[in-house]
């Protein structure tokens, strides 16, 4: 399907310029039968701000047929907005939901970590300061990791293009180095951290669903959830909810272990909990509507995480 958008600015003073009009074509490769309503979002940049009259004319071609069907046109009047705001707006998307949910996840994670720190005999004050530093540096690492793995992509807004892998790597390194410098038992610190990390991931993934990022592939299943990737709103596999559920389940398991039966080998719980989350995450990746940046990275990561998980379970049983 192709949608031709024709726009004219209404509040022009003086002679019209190319910045006062536009013609753009937005394309949708496929609209699946029984998928329900579908929303297509297209953004036009580089035009003059003001009130605009926009007309949409749609043409559709049925699969297996050559004739083109003209769909009813539509028109509306609206005001322009800043580009950074426009990238966060689409049907089914709640602007600001992602930073709000991530912020909530960080707060809940720090509360849980402080409680478990006492169980493991760690100074809660030192752990809290270290957690704040790790969160800030982890956010920087998430941005840097994404840019390094998406060199050909155009840089987006501040809160877009963040990688969980980068956050975990930098935050974990911060806890290891910072814990050693402050004289904390690093293994116990990590064991008290992994449930908190998983809680943060569980809450943060809900923000992804509301903000239209990390969206699942389209589906006609009745178990699908109508959501948007900020361009196409349709019924999708709720992969964000599935990952949130996996992280929450692991958070419960690791919290119980850290609270009641701390492993005899400090750090074992951290490795097992993180490996379990990585396995679940890699298994869910094919359900995402995003292309992979590497050909074999997922399989290598899944294999290594699986071996680490089996190894930690074996070590726990032996101990």
C-alpha atoms as a PDB file:
ATOM      1  CA  UNK A   1       0.000   0.000   0.000  1.00  0.00           C
ATOM      2  CA  UNK A   2       1.182   3.537  -0.785  1.00  0.00           C
ATOM      3  CA  UNK A   3      -0.125   6.719   0.811  1.00  0.00           C
ATOM      4  CA  UNK A   4       0.460  10.033  -0.962  1.00  0.00           C
ATOM      5  CA  UNK A   5       0.556  12.938   1.481  1.00  0.00           C
ATOM      6  CA  UNK A   6       0.062  16.467   0.158  1.00  0.00           C
ATOM      7  CA  UNK A   7       0.529  19.354   2.560  1.00  0.00           C
ATOM      8  CA  UNK A   8       0.060  23.112   2.311  1.00  0.00           C
ATOM      9  CA  UNK A   9       0.863  25.609   5.050  1.00  0.00           C
ATOM     10  CA  UNK A  10      -2.118  27.816   5.849  1.00  0.00           C
ATOM     11  CA  UNK A  11      -0.589  30.755   7.704  1.00  0.00           C
ATOM     12  CA  UNK A  12       1.797  31.911   4.978  1.00  0.00           C
ATOM     13  CA  UNK A  13       2.629  35.609   4.913  1.00  0.00           C
ATOM     14  CA  UNK A  14       4.050  36.847   1.629  1.00  0.00           C
ATOM     15  CA  UNK A  15       5.111  34.686  -1.293  1.00  0.00           C
ATOM     16  CA  UNK A  16       5.015  30.915  -0.868  1.00  0.00           C
ATOM     17  CA  UNK A  17       8.322  29.052  -0.807  1.00  0.00           C
ATOM     18  CA  UNK A  18       9.182  25.342  -1.128  1.00  0.00           C
ATOM     19  CA  UNK A  19       9.125  25.205   2.684  1.00  0.00           C
ATOM     20  CA  UNK A  20       5.368  25.903   2.614  1.00  0.00           C
ATOM     21  CA  UNK A  21       4.321  22.820   0.639  1.00  0.00           C
ATOM     22  CA  UNK A  22       5.249  19.171   0.433  1.00  0.00           C
ATOM     23  CA  UNK A  23       4.358  15.959  -1.329  1.00  0.00           C
ATOM     24  CA  UNK A  24       5.518  12.726   0.277  1.00  0.00           C
ATOM     25  CA  UNK A  25       4.785   9.046  -0.247  1.00  0.00           C
ATOM     26  CA  UNK A  26       4.668   6.580   2.646  1.00  0.00           C
ATOM     27  CA  UNK A  27       4.656   2.878   1.835  1.00  0.00           C
ATOM     28  CA  UNK A  28       3.485  -0.132   3.775  1.00  0.00           C
ATOM     29  CA  UNK A  29       4.801  -3.412   2.416  1.00  0.00           C
ATOM     30  CA  UNK A  30       2.032  -5.622   3.758  1.00  0.00           C
ATOM     31  CA  UNK A  31      -1.277  -5.403   5.587  1.00  0.00           C
ATOM     32  CA  UNK A  32      -2.202  -8.856   6.825  1.00  0.00           C
ATOM     33  CA  UNK A  33      -5.820 -10.035   6.647  1.00  0.00           C
ATOM     34  CA  UNK A  34      -7.549 -10.230  10.041  1.00  0.00           C
ATOM     35  CA  UNK A  35      -4.848  -8.064  11.616  1.00  0.00           C
ATOM     36  CA  UNK A  36      -7.379  -5.404  12.586  1.00  0.00           C
ATOM     37  CA  UNK A  37      -6.837  -1.681  12.254  1.00  0.00           C
ATOM     38  CA  UNK A  38      -3.449  -0.475  11.044  1.00  0.00           C
ATOM     39  CA  UNK A  39      -1.901   2.962  11.555  1.00  0.00           C
ATOM     40  CA  UNK A  40       0.889   4.332   9.354  1.00  0.00           C
ATOM     41  CA  UNK A  41       2.956   7.256  10.651  1.00  0.00           C
ATOM     42  CA  UNK A  42       5.081   9.378   8.306  1.00  0.00           C
ATOM     43  CA  UNK A  43       7.105  12.418   9.335  1.00  0.00           C
ATOM     44  CA  UNK A  44       8.031  15.313   7.042  1.00  0.00           C
ATOM     45  CA  UNK A  45      10.983  17.455   8.127  1.00  0.00           C
ATOM     46  CA  UNK A  46      12.658  20.594   6.851  1.00  0.00           C
ATOM     47  CA  UNK A  47       9.443  22.582   6.360  1.00  0.00           C
ATOM     48  CA  UNK A  48       8.254  25.890   7.801  1.00  0.00           C
ATOM     49  CA  UNK A  49       6.466  25.773  11.171  1.00  0.00           C
ATOM     50  CA  UNK A  50       2.784  26.668  11.361  1.00  0.00           C
ATOM     51  CA  UNK A  51      -0.688  25.300  10.628  1.00  0.00           C
ATOM     52  CA  UNK A  52      -0.887  22.771   7.813  1.00  0.00           C
ATOM     53  CA  UNK A  53      -3.640  21.254   5.703  1.00  0.00           C
ATOM     54  CA  UNK A  54      -2.716  17.681   4.741  1.00  0.00           C
ATOM     55  CA  UNK A  55      -4.510  15.337   2.354  1.00  0.00           C
ATOM     56  CA  UNK A  56      -3.854  11.590   2.250  1.00  0.00           C
ATOM     57  CA  UNK A  57      -4.597   9.526  -0.881  1.00  0.00           C
ATOM     58  CA  UNK A  58      -4.036   5.781  -0.561  1.00  0.00           C
ATOM     59  CA  UNK A  59      -3.547   3.109  -3.211  1.00  0.00           C
ATOM     60  CA  UNK A  60      -3.533  -0.598  -2.394  1.00  0.00           C
ATOM     61  CA  UNK A  61      -2.699  -3.707  -4.392  1.00  0.00           C
ATOM     62  CA  UNK A  62      -4.081  -7.076  -3.380  1.00  0.00           C
ATOM     63  CA  UNK A  63      -1.495  -9.841  -3.217  1.00  0.00           C
ATOM     64  CA  UNK A  64      -1.517 -11.923  -6.390  1.00  0.00           C
ATOM     65  CA  UNK A  65      -3.390  -9.310  -8.427  1.00  0.00           C
ATOM     66  CA  UNK A  66      -2.127  -6.577 -10.705  1.00  0.00           C
ATOM     67  CA  UNK A  67      -4.952  -4.044 -10.380  1.00  0.00           C
ATOM     68  CA  UNK A  68      -4.612  -1.145  -7.975  1.00  0.00           C
ATOM     69  CA  UNK A  69      -7.469  -0.149  -5.672  1.00  0.00           C
ATOM     70  CA  UNK A  70      -7.924   3.492  -4.744  1.00  0.00           C
ATOM     71  CA  UNK A  71      -8.959   3.857  -1.111  1.00  0.00           C
ATOM     72  CA  UNK A  72     -11.009   6.754   0.297  1.00  0.00           C
ATOM     73  CA  UNK A  73      -8.933   9.882   0.833  1.00  0.00           C
ATOM     74  CA  UNK A  74      -8.718  11.788   4.103  1.00  0.00           C
ATOM     75  CA  UNK A  75      -7.709  15.273   5.119  1.00  0.00           C
ATOM     76  CA  UNK A  76      -6.958  17.149   8.315  1.00  0.00           C
ATOM     77  CA  UNK A  77      -5.602  20.421   9.639  1.00  0.00           C
ATOM     78  CA  UNK A  78      -2.932  20.465  12.323  1.00  0.00           C
ATOM     79  CA  UNK A  79       0.094  22.283  13.666  1.00  0.00           C
ATOM     80  CA  UNK A  80       3.727  21.382  13.128  1.00  0.00           C
ATOM     81  CA  UNK A  81       5.980  20.427  16.018  1.00  0.00           C
ATOM     82  CA  UNK A  82       9.652  19.990  16.814  1.00  0.00           C
ATOM     83  CA  UNK A  83      11.373  17.066  15.140  1.00  0.00           C
ATOM     84  CA  UNK A  84      12.499  15.571  18.474  1.00  0.00           C
ATOM     85  CA  UNK A  85       8.880  15.579  19.647  1.00  0.00           C
ATOM     86  CA  UNK A  86       7.553  14.182  16.371  1.00  0.00           C
ATOM     87  CA  UNK A  87       9.848  11.145  16.567  1.00  0.00           C
ATOM     88  CA  UNK A  88       8.189  10.179  19.862  1.00  0.00           C
ATOM     89  CA  UNK A  89       4.597  10.636  18.681  1.00  0.00           C
ATOM     90  CA  UNK A  90       2.495   7.987  16.952  1.00  0.00           C
ATOM     91  CA  UNK A  91      -0.825   6.213  17.551  1.00  0.00           C
ATOM     92  CA  UNK A  92      -0.434   3.879  20.529  1.00  0.00           C
ATOM     93  CA  UNK A  93       2.749   5.580  21.769  1.00  0.00           C
ATOM     94  CA  UNK A  94       2.958   7.425  25.096  1.00  0.00           C
ATOM     95  CA  UNK A  95       5.695  10.100  24.937  1.00  0.00           C
ATOM     96  CA  UNK A  96       7.856  10.037  28.039  1.00  0.00           C
ATOM     97  CA  UNK A  97       6.751   6.534  29.043  1.00  0.00           C
ATOM     98  CA  UNK A  98      10.175   4.989  28.533  1.00  0.00           C
ATOM     99  CA  UNK A  99      12.239   7.340  30.732  1.00  0.00           C
ATOM    100  CA  UNK A 100       9.459   7.285  33.347  1.00  0.00           C
ATOM    101  CA  UNK A 101       9.363   3.480  33.539  1.00  0.00           C
ATOM    102  CA  UNK A 102      13.144   3.177  33.431  1.00  0.00           C
ATOM    103  CA  UNK A 103      13.385   5.715  36.246  1.00  0.00           C
ATOM    104  CA  UNK A 104      10.861   3.718  38.276  1.00  0.00           C
ATOM    105  CA  UNK A 105      12.820   0.547  37.561  1.00  0.00           C
ATOM    106  CA  UNK A 106      16.041   2.149  38.784  1.00  0.00           C
ATOM    107  CA  UNK A 107      14.392   3.263  42.040  1.00  0.00           C
ATOM    108  CA  UNK A 108      12.889  -0.183  42.707  1.00  0.00           C
ATOM    109  CA  UNK A 109      16.190  -1.839  41.839  1.00  0.00           C
ATOM    110  CA  UNK A 110      18.129   0.327  44.285  1.00  0.00           C
ATOM    111  CA  UNK A 111      15.627  -0.359  47.072  1.00  0.00           C
ATOM    112  CA  UNK A 112      15.881  -4.119  46.517  1.00  0.00           C
ATOM    113  CA  UNK A 113      19.666  -3.974  46.255  1.00  0.00           C
ATOM    114  CA  UNK A 114      19.915  -2.053  49.537  1.00  0.00           C
ATOM    115  CA  UNK A 115      17.778  -4.667  51.308  1.00  0.00           C
ATOM    116  CA  UNK A 116      19.824  -7.566  49.936  1.00  0.00           C
ATOM    117  CA  UNK A 117      23.065  -5.741  50.715  1.00  0.00           C
ATOM    118  CA  UNK A 118      22.201  -5.942  54.422  1.00  0.00           C
ATOM    119  CA  UNK A 119      21.514  -9.676  54.095  1.00  0.00           C
ATOM    120  CA  UNK A 120      24.982 -10.158  52.602  1.00  0.00           C
ATOM    121  CA  UNK A 121      26.660  -8.038  55.253  1.00  0.00           C
ATOM    122  CA  UNK A 122      27.446  -5.098  52.968  1.00  0.00           C
ATOM    123  CA  UNK A 123      27.305  -1.422  53.919  1.00  0.00           C
ATOM    124  CA  UNK A 124      24.048  -0.130  52.335  1.00  0.00           C
ATOM    125  CA  UNK A 125      25.363   3.437  52.081  1.00  0.00           C
ATOM    126  CA  UNK A 126      28.423   2.423  50.084  1.00  0.00           C
ATOM    127  CA  UNK A 127      26.334   0.142  47.882  1.00  0.00           C
ATOM    128  CA  UNK A 128      23.821   2.923  47.175  1.00  0.00           C
ATOM    129  CA  UNK A 129      26.520   5.403  46.132  1.00  0.00           C
ATOM    130  CA  UNK A 130      28.102   2.750  43.939  1.00  0.00           C
ATOM    131  CA  UNK A 131      24.712   1.943  42.387  1.00  0.00           C
ATOM    132  CA  UNK A 132      24.120   5.597  41.503  1.00  0.00           C
ATOM    133  CA  UNK A 133      27.523   5.837  39.821  1.00  0.00           C
ATOM    134  CA  UNK A 134      26.979   2.520  38.019  1.00  0.00           C
ATOM    135  CA  UNK A 135      23.582   3.701  36.732  1.00  0.00           C
ATOM    136  CA  UNK A 136      25.015   6.892  35.238  1.00  0.00           C
ATOM    137  CA  UNK A 137      28.042   5.183  33.704  1.00  0.00           C
ATOM    138  CA  UNK A 138      25.841   2.303  32.527  1.00  0.00           C
ATOM    139  CA  UNK A 139      23.582   4.718  30.638  1.00  0.00           C
ATOM    140  CA  UNK A 140      26.643   6.181  28.918  1.00  0.00           C
ATOM    141  CA  UNK A 141      27.836   2.672  28.113  1.00  0.00           C
ATOM    142  CA  UNK A 142      24.416   1.770  26.688  1.00  0.00           C
ATOM    143  CA  UNK A 143      24.573   4.733  24.308  1.00  0.00           C
ATOM    144  CA  UNK A 144      28.178   4.036  23.297  1.00  0.00           C
ATOM    145  CA  UNK A 145      27.537   0.318  22.719  1.00  0.00           C
ATOM    146  CA  UNK A 146      24.573   1.069  20.473  1.00  0.00           C
ATOM    147  CA  UNK A 147      26.528   3.584  18.404  1.00  0.00           C
ATOM    148  CA  UNK A 148      29.426   1.143  17.987  1.00  0.00           C
ATOM    149  CA  UNK A 149      27.089  -1.604  16.759  1.00  0.00           C
ATOM    150  CA  UNK A 150      25.007   0.728  14.545  1.00  0.00           C
ATOM    151  CA  UNK A 151      27.660   2.881  12.896  1.00  0.00           C
ATOM    152  CA  UNK A 152      25.578   3.381   9.749  1.00  0.00           C
ATOM    153  CA  UNK A 153      22.479   4.604  11.588  1.00  0.00           C
ATOM    154  CA  UNK A 154      21.754   8.272  11.992  1.00  0.00           C
ATOM    155  CA  UNK A 155      22.113   9.539  15.552  1.00  0.00           C
ATOM    156  CA  UNK A 156      18.726  10.011  17.203  1.00  0.00           C
ATOM    157  CA  UNK A 157      17.397  11.791  20.303  1.00  0.00           C
ATOM    158  CA  UNK A 158      19.081  11.383  23.681  1.00  0.00           C
ATOM    159  CA  UNK A 159      16.841   8.574  24.931  1.00  0.00           C
ATOM    160  CA  UNK A 160      16.857   6.587  21.680  1.00  0.00           C
ATOM    161  CA  UNK A 161      19.483   4.085  20.655  1.00  0.00           C
ATOM    162  CA  UNK A 162      20.394   2.560  24.024  1.00  0.00           C
ATOM    163  CA  UNK A 163      21.650  -0.995  24.391  1.00  0.00           C
ATOM    164  CA  UNK A 164      20.996  -3.206  27.419  1.00  0.00           C
ATOM    165  CA  UNK A 165      24.252  -5.040  26.737  1.00  0.00           C
ATOM    166  CA  UNK A 166      26.252  -1.845  27.030  1.00  0.00           C
ATOM    167  CA  UNK A 167      24.537  -0.934  30.297  1.00  0.00           C
ATOM    168  CA  UNK A 168      25.156  -4.350  31.861  1.00  0.00           C
ATOM    169  CA  UNK A 169      28.821  -4.460  30.816  1.00  0.00           C
ATOM    170  CA  UNK A 170      29.664  -0.987  32.116  1.00  0.00           C
ATOM    171  CA  UNK A 171      27.520  -1.230  35.265  1.00  0.00           C
ATOM    172  CA  UNK A 172      28.984  -4.623  36.186  1.00  0.00           C
ATOM    173  CA  UNK A 173      32.522  -3.351  35.625  1.00  0.00           C
ATOM    174  CA  UNK A 174      31.728  -0.365  37.835  1.00  0.00           C
ATOM    175  CA  UNK A 175      30.468  -2.616  40.634  1.00  0.00           C
ATOM    176  CA  UNK A 176      33.521  -4.874  40.421  1.00  0.00           C
ATOM    177  CA  UNK A 177      36.087  -2.064  40.407  1.00  0.00           C
ATOM    178  CA  UNK A 178      34.168   0.206  42.773  1.00  0.00           C
ATOM    179  CA  UNK A 179      33.414  -2.608  45.196  1.00  0.00           C
ATOM    180  CA  UNK A 180      37.069  -3.626  45.336  1.00  0.00           C
ATOM    181  CA  UNK A 181      38.177  -0.030  45.905  1.00  0.00           C
ATOM    182  CA  UNK A 182      35.667   0.428  48.747  1.00  0.00           C
ATOM    183  CA  UNK A 183      36.643  -2.850  50.375  1.00  0.00           C
ATOM    184  CA  UNK A 184      33.333  -4.582  49.694  1.00  0.00           C
ATOM    185  CA  UNK A 185      33.069  -8.314  49.043  1.00  0.00           C
ATOM    186  CA  UNK A 186      32.678  -8.165  45.276  1.00  0.00           C
ATOM    187  CA  UNK A 187      31.084 -11.598  44.903  1.00  0.00           C
ATOM    188  CA  UNK A 188      28.413 -10.865  47.495  1.00  0.00           C
ATOM    189  CA  UNK A 189      27.914  -7.402  45.985  1.00  0.00           C
ATOM    190  CA  UNK A 190      27.184  -8.940  42.591  1.00  0.00           C
ATOM    191  CA  UNK A 191      24.839 -11.534  44.109  1.00  0.00           C
ATOM    192  CA  UNK A 192      22.884  -8.727  45.775  1.00  0.00           C
ATOM    193  CA  UNK A 193      22.861  -6.797  42.494  1.00  0.00           C
ATOM    194  CA  UNK A 194      21.516  -9.327  39.995  1.00  0.00           C
ATOM    195  CA  UNK A 195      17.928  -9.433  41.391  1.00  0.00           C
ATOM    196  CA  UNK A 196      17.881  -5.634  41.316  1.00  0.00           C
ATOM    197  CA  UNK A 197      19.165  -5.598  37.747  1.00  0.00           C
ATOM    198  CA  UNK A 198      16.429  -8.011  36.696  1.00  0.00           C
ATOM    199  CA  UNK A 199      13.737  -5.919  38.403  1.00  0.00           C
ATOM    200  CA  UNK A 200      14.962  -2.871  36.510  1.00  0.00           C
ATOM    201  CA  UNK A 201      14.804  -4.772  33.230  1.00  0.00           C
ATOM    202  CA  UNK A 202      11.291  -6.055  33.940  1.00  0.00           C
ATOM    203  CA  UNK A 203       9.923  -2.574  34.617  1.00  0.00           C
ATOM    204  CA  UNK A 204      11.922  -0.948  31.833  1.00  0.00           C
ATOM    205  CA  UNK A 205      10.552  -3.332  29.206  1.00  0.00           C
ATOM    206  CA  UNK A 206       7.037  -2.148  30.030  1.00  0.00           C
ATOM    207  CA  UNK A 207       8.246   1.325  29.112  1.00  0.00           C
ATOM    208  CA  UNK A 208       9.477  -0.055  25.789  1.00  0.00           C
ATOM    209  CA  UNK A 209       5.977  -1.320  24.984  1.00  0.00           C
ATOM    210  CA  UNK A 210       4.381   2.030  25.804  1.00  0.00           C
ATOM    211  CA  UNK A 211       7.055   4.035  23.974  1.00  0.00           C
ATOM    212  CA  UNK A 212       7.049   2.000  20.755  1.00  0.00           C
ATOM    213  CA  UNK A 213      10.587   0.620  20.901  1.00  0.00           C
ATOM    214  CA  UNK A 214      11.848  -2.975  20.610  1.00  0.00           C
ATOM    215  CA  UNK A 215       8.469  -3.849  19.047  1.00  0.00           C
ATOM    216  CA  UNK A 216       7.499  -7.380  18.126  1.00  0.00           C
ATOM    217  CA  UNK A 217       6.759  -8.664  14.638  1.00  0.00           C
ATOM    218  CA  UNK A 218       3.198  -8.241  13.273  1.00  0.00           C
ATOM    219  CA  UNK A 219       0.829 -11.128  13.925  1.00  0.00           C
ATOM    220  CA  UNK A 220      -2.801 -12.086  13.350  1.00  0.00           C
ATOM    221  CA  UNK A 221      -2.903 -14.188  16.506  1.00  0.00           C
ATOM    222  CA  UNK A 222      -5.563 -13.305  19.052  1.00  0.00           C
ATOM    223  CA  UNK A 223      -2.766 -13.229  21.636  1.00  0.00           C
ATOM    224  CA  UNK A 224      -1.199 -10.293  19.831  1.00  0.00           C
ATOM    225  CA  UNK A 225      -1.242  -6.812  21.347  1.00  0.00           C
ATOM    226  CA  UNK A 226      -1.941  -3.701  19.282  1.00  0.00           C
ATOM    227  CA  UNK A 227       1.207  -1.584  19.499  1.00  0.00           C
ATOM    228  CA  UNK A 228       3.435   0.593  17.364  1.00  0.00           C
ATOM    229  CA  UNK A 229       7.088   0.769  16.421  1.00  0.00           C
ATOM    230  CA  UNK A 230       6.508   4.527  15.930  1.00  0.00           C
ATOM    231  CA  UNK A 231       5.915   3.949  12.223  1.00  0.00           C
ATOM    232  CA  UNK A 232       3.386   1.130  11.886  1.00  0.00           C
ATOM    233  CA  UNK A 233       0.736   0.455  14.489  1.00  0.00           C
ATOM    234  CA  UNK A 234      -0.787  -3.010  14.244  1.00  0.00           C
ATOM    235  CA  UNK A 235      -1.325  -6.204  16.193  1.00  0.00           C
ATOM    236  CA  UNK A 236       2.099  -7.493  17.211  1.00  0.00           C
ATOM    237  CA  UNK A 237       3.753 -10.245  19.217  1.00  0.00           C
ATOM    238  CA  UNK A 238       4.098  -8.676  22.703  1.00  0.00           C
ATOM    239  CA  UNK A 239       7.802  -9.429  22.901  1.00  0.00           C
ATOM    240  CA  UNK A 240       8.403  -6.612  25.392  1.00  0.00           C
ATOM    241  CA  UNK A 241       5.867  -8.146  27.786  1.00  0.00           C
ATOM    242  CA  UNK A 242       7.410 -11.578  27.287  1.00  0.00           C
ATOM    243  CA  UNK A 243      10.885 -10.288  28.104  1.00  0.00           C
ATOM    244  CA  UNK A 244       9.518  -8.365  31.087  1.00  0.00           C
ATOM    245  CA  UNK A 245       7.856 -11.552  32.363  1.00  0.00           C
ATOM    246  CA  UNK A 246      11.090 -13.512  31.945  1.00  0.00           C
ATOM    247  CA  UNK A 247      13.095 -10.864  33.795  1.00  0.00           C
ATOM    248  CA  UNK A 248      10.482 -10.637  36.568  1.00  0.00           C
ATOM    249  CA  UNK A 249      10.449 -14.424  37.019  1.00  0.00           C
ATOM    250  CA  UNK A 250      14.229 -14.533  37.273  1.00  0.00           C
ATOM    251  CA  UNK A 251      14.123 -11.576  39.668  1.00  0.00           C
ATOM    252  CA  UNK A 252      11.811 -13.506  42.010  1.00  0.00           C
ATOM    253  CA  UNK A 253      13.969 -16.642  41.884  1.00  0.00           C
ATOM    254  CA  UNK A 254      17.272 -14.827  42.431  1.00  0.00           C
ATOM    255  CA  UNK A 255      15.779 -12.675  45.210  1.00  0.00           C
ATOM    256  CA  UNK A 256      14.598 -15.749  47.116  1.00  0.00           C
ATOM    257  CA  UNK A 257      17.998 -17.397  46.717  1.00  0.00           C
ATOM    258  CA  UNK A 258      19.896 -14.254  47.714  1.00  0.00           C
ATOM    259  CA  UNK A 259      17.622 -13.772  50.743  1.00  0.00           C
ATOM    260  CA  UNK A 260      17.255 -17.339  52.056  1.00  0.00           C
ATOM    261  CA  UNK A 261      20.036 -19.520  50.693  1.00  0.00           C
ATOM    262  CA  UNK A 262      23.014 -17.444  49.512  1.00  0.00           C
ATOM    263  CA  UNK A 263      25.272 -19.640  47.336  1.00  0.00           C
ATOM    264  CA  UNK A 264      28.448 -20.861  49.036  1.00  0.00           C
ATOM    265  CA  UNK A 265      30.452 -19.474  46.127  1.00  0.00           C
ATOM    266  CA  UNK A 266      30.031 -15.716  46.099  1.00  0.00           C
ATOM    267  CA  UNK A 267      29.226 -14.435  42.615  1.00  0.00           C
ATOM    268  CA  UNK A 268      27.653 -17.691  41.459  1.00  0.00           C
ATOM    269  CA  UNK A 269      24.129 -16.292  41.687  1.00  0.00           C
ATOM    270  CA  UNK A 270      25.078 -13.264  39.609  1.00  0.00           C
ATOM    271  CA  UNK A 271      26.487 -15.416  36.815  1.00  0.00           C
ATOM    272  CA  UNK A 272      23.503 -17.760  36.824  1.00  0.00           C
ATOM    273  CA  UNK A 273      20.881 -15.016  36.976  1.00  0.00           C
ATOM    274  CA  UNK A 274      22.495 -12.953  34.250  1.00  0.00           C
ATOM    275  CA  UNK A 275      23.052 -16.015  32.052  1.00  0.00           C
ATOM    276  CA  UNK A 276      19.403 -17.003  32.447  1.00  0.00           C
ATOM    277  CA  UNK A 277      18.261 -13.554  31.370  1.00  0.00           C
ATOM    278  CA  UNK A 278      20.597 -13.550  28.367  1.00  0.00           C
ATOM    279  CA  UNK A 279      19.266 -16.953  27.268  1.00  0.00           C
ATOM    280  CA  UNK A 280      15.658 -15.747  27.510  1.00  0.00           C
ATOM    281  CA  UNK A 281      16.505 -12.522  25.701  1.00  0.00           C
ATOM    282  CA  UNK A 282      18.280 -14.283  22.844  1.00  0.00           C
ATOM    283  CA  UNK A 283      15.423 -16.757  22.414  1.00  0.00           C
ATOM    284  CA  UNK A 284      13.004 -13.834  22.066  1.00  0.00           C
ATOM    285  CA  UNK A 285      15.108 -11.880  19.578  1.00  0.00           C
ATOM    286  CA  UNK A 286      13.559 -13.529  16.459  1.00  0.00           C
ATOM    287  CA  UNK A 287      10.168 -12.206  17.589  1.00  0.00           C
ATOM    288  CA  UNK A 288      11.376  -8.626  17.360  1.00  0.00           C
ATOM    289  CA  UNK A 289      10.665  -6.556  14.280  1.00  0.00           C
ATOM    290  CA  UNK A 290      14.280  -5.415  14.035  1.00  0.00           C
ATOM    291  CA  UNK A 291      17.082  -6.812  11.861  1.00  0.00           C
ATOM    292  CA  UNK A 292      20.134  -8.199  13.633  1.00  0.00           C
ATOM    293  CA  UNK A 293      23.334  -6.173  13.314  1.00  0.00           C
ATOM    294  CA  UNK A 294      25.525  -9.318  13.178  1.00  0.00           C
ATOM    295  CA  UNK A 295      25.015 -12.657  11.438  1.00  0.00           C
ATOM    296  CA  UNK A 296      26.223 -15.081  14.112  1.00  0.00           C
ATOM    297  CA  UNK A 297      26.218 -12.893  17.220  1.00  0.00           C
ATOM    298  CA  UNK A 298      22.908 -14.219  18.538  1.00  0.00           C
ATOM    299  CA  UNK A 299      23.893 -17.880  18.219  1.00  0.00           C
ATOM    300  CA  UNK A 300      27.300 -17.332  19.813  1.00  0.00           C
ATOM    301  CA  UNK A 301      25.789 -15.339  22.679  1.00  0.00           C
ATOM    302  CA  UNK A 302      23.032 -17.911  23.220  1.00  0.00           C
ATOM    303  CA  UNK A 303      25.544 -20.773  23.302  1.00  0.00           C
ATOM    304  CA  UNK A 304      27.899 -19.047  25.742  1.00  0.00           C
ATOM    305  CA  UNK A 305      25.052 -17.959  28.018  1.00  0.00           C
ATOM    306  CA  UNK A 306      23.576 -21.461  27.962  1.00  0.00           C
ATOM    307  CA  UNK A 307      26.913 -22.994  28.921  1.00  0.00           C
ATOM    308  CA  UNK A 308      27.320 -20.463  31.725  1.00  0.00           C
ATOM    309  CA  UNK A 309      23.821 -21.225  33.024  1.00  0.00           C
ATOM    310  CA  UNK A 310      24.389 -24.986  32.960  1.00  0.00           C
ATOM    311  CA  UNK A 311      27.779 -24.515  34.614  1.00  0.00           C
ATOM    312  CA  UNK A 312      26.392 -22.445  37.468  1.00  0.00           C
ATOM    313  CA  UNK A 313      23.529 -24.879  38.058  1.00  0.00           C
ATOM    314  CA  UNK A 314      26.005 -27.754  38.118  1.00  0.00           C
ATOM    315  CA  UNK A 315      28.304 -25.921  40.520  1.00  0.00           C
ATOM    316  CA  UNK A 316      25.363 -25.107  42.798  1.00  0.00           C
ATOM    317  CA  UNK A 317      24.282 -28.758  42.910  1.00  0.00           C
ATOM    318  CA  UNK A 318      27.808 -29.962  43.644  1.00  0.00           C
ATOM    319  CA  UNK A 319      28.269 -27.376  46.386  1.00  0.00           C
END
